[in-house]
Amino acid sequence: MRWVIKLGSGLLVDAEGLLQLDVVESIVKQVVELLKSGAEVLLVSSGAVACGVRQLGYTSLPTSLRDRQA
């Protein structure tokens, strides 16, 4: 069985734009259980930009493609 799991930015970061490590830890534990059961797991995330915004010093989501790819 194959699972495709989409993780949105609203799930991965809090209101201040910080990565919610407890949520990530919970997701990892669930994915591990799926893998142990023999499932194929593909994680897809639109949250990558949101997770890095604060670390790169932005106060809001960047609009240019170059900055979003950073």
C-alpha atoms as a PDB file:
ATOM      1  CA  MET A   1       0.000   0.000   0.000  1.00  0.00           C
ATOM      2  CA  ARG A   2       1.233   3.511  -0.797  1.00  0.00           C
ATOM      3  CA  TRP A   3       0.416   6.566   1.328  1.00  0.00           C
ATOM      4  CA  VAL A   4       0.825  10.128   0.034  1.00  0.00           C
ATOM      5  CA  ILE A   5       0.666  12.579   2.916  1.00  0.00           C
ATOM      6  CA  LYS A   6       0.477  16.339   2.319  1.00  0.00           C
ATOM      7  CA  LEU A   7       1.676  18.516   5.167  1.00  0.00           C
ATOM      8  CA  GLY A   8       0.587  22.139   4.876  1.00  0.00           C
ATOM      9  CA  SER A   9       2.340  25.100   6.420  1.00  0.00           C
ATOM     10  CA  GLY A  10      -0.552  25.618   8.852  1.00  0.00           C
ATOM     11  CA  LEU A  11       0.252  22.245  10.360  1.00  0.00           C
ATOM     12  CA  LEU A  12       4.027  22.660  10.485  1.00  0.00           C
ATOM     13  CA  VAL A  13       4.449  26.195  11.857  1.00  0.00           C
ATOM     14  CA  ASP A  14       2.770  28.182  14.620  1.00  0.00           C
ATOM     15  CA  ALA A  15       1.347  31.713  14.401  1.00  0.00           C
ATOM     16  CA  GLU A  16       4.841  33.210  14.844  1.00  0.00           C
ATOM     17  CA  GLY A  17       6.249  31.106  12.012  1.00  0.00           C
ATOM     18  CA  LEU A  18       8.194  28.728  14.245  1.00  0.00           C
ATOM     19  CA  LEU A  19       8.420  25.065  13.368  1.00  0.00           C
ATOM     20  CA  GLN A  20       6.189  23.021  15.692  1.00  0.00           C
ATOM     21  CA  LEU A  21       8.634  20.311  16.678  1.00  0.00           C
ATOM     22  CA  ASP A  22       6.039  18.377  18.681  1.00  0.00           C
ATOM     23  CA  VAL A  23       3.860  18.120  15.578  1.00  0.00           C
ATOM     24  CA  VAL A  24       6.819  17.047  13.434  1.00  0.00           C
ATOM     25  CA  GLU A  25       7.762  14.420  16.027  1.00  0.00           C
ATOM     26  CA  SER A  26       4.220  13.050  16.023  1.00  0.00           C
ATOM     27  CA  ILE A  27       4.175  12.862  12.225  1.00  0.00           C
ATOM     28  CA  VAL A  28       7.536  11.075  12.180  1.00  0.00           C
ATOM     29  CA  LYS A  29       6.296   8.487  14.676  1.00  0.00           C
ATOM     30  CA  GLN A  30       3.194   7.845  12.570  1.00  0.00           C
ATOM     31  CA  VAL A  31       5.236   7.523   9.371  1.00  0.00           C
ATOM     32  CA  VAL A  32       7.586   5.063  11.101  1.00  0.00           C
ATOM     33  CA  GLU A  33       4.599   2.894  12.031  1.00  0.00           C
ATOM     34  CA  LEU A  34       3.354   2.972   8.444  1.00  0.00           C
ATOM     35  CA  LEU A  35       6.814   1.971   7.183  1.00  0.00           C
ATOM     36  CA  LYS A  36       7.003  -0.876   9.706  1.00  0.00           C
ATOM     37  CA  SER A  37       3.693  -2.170   8.384  1.00  0.00           C
ATOM     38  CA  GLY A  38       5.203  -2.354   4.891  1.00  0.00           C
ATOM     39  CA  ALA A  39       3.592   0.747   3.443  1.00  0.00           C
ATOM     40  CA  GLU A  40       5.347   3.075   1.014  1.00  0.00           C
ATOM     41  CA  VAL A  41       5.165   6.661   2.294  1.00  0.00           C
ATOM     42  CA  LEU A  42       5.611   9.875   0.336  1.00  0.00           C
ATOM     43  CA  LEU A  43       5.520  13.164   2.255  1.00  0.00           C
ATOM     44  CA  VAL A  44       4.619  16.290   0.324  1.00  0.00           C
ATOM     45  CA  SER A  45       4.843  19.710   1.945  1.00  0.00           C
ATOM     46  CA  SER A  46       3.880  23.209   1.000  1.00  0.00           C
ATOM     47  CA  GLY A  47       5.290  24.231   4.371  1.00  0.00           C
ATOM     48  CA  ALA A  48       8.967  24.432   3.417  1.00  0.00           C
ATOM     49  CA  VAL A  49       8.861  28.164   2.690  1.00  0.00           C
ATOM     50  CA  ALA A  50       6.857  28.931   5.819  1.00  0.00           C
ATOM     51  CA  CYS A  51       9.301  26.930   7.950  1.00  0.00           C
ATOM     52  CA  GLY A  52      12.308  28.887   6.707  1.00  0.00           C
ATOM     53  CA  VAL A  53      10.918  32.425   6.627  1.00  0.00           C
ATOM     54  CA  ARG A  54      11.981  33.424  10.145  1.00  0.00           C
ATOM     55  CA  GLN A  55      15.344  31.708   9.925  1.00  0.00           C
ATOM     56  CA  LEU A  56      16.154  33.781   6.830  1.00  0.00           C
ATOM     57  CA  GLY A  57      15.155  37.037   8.538  1.00  0.00           C
ATOM     58  CA  TYR A  58      11.952  37.753   6.625  1.00  0.00           C
ATOM     59  CA  THR A  59       8.994  39.284   8.444  1.00  0.00           C
ATOM     60  CA  SER A  60       6.491  37.818   5.968  1.00  0.00           C
ATOM     61  CA  LEU A  61       6.438  35.302   3.150  1.00  0.00           C
ATOM     62  CA  PRO A  62       8.703  36.427   0.288  1.00  0.00           C
ATOM     63  CA  THR A  63       7.054  37.111  -3.040  1.00  0.00           C
ATOM     64  CA  SER A  64       9.884  36.742  -5.554  1.00  0.00           C
ATOM     65  CA  LEU A  65      10.630  33.246  -6.848  1.00  0.00           C
ATOM     66  CA  ARG A  66      14.335  33.618  -6.025  1.00  0.00           C
ATOM     67  CA  ASP A  67      13.595  34.489  -2.387  1.00  0.00           C
ATOM     68  CA  ARG A  68      10.977  31.739  -2.049  1.00  0.00           C
ATOM     69  CA  GLN A  69      13.490  29.194  -3.357  1.00  0.00           C
ATOM     70  CA  ALA A  70      16.094  30.329  -0.825  1.00  0.00           C
END
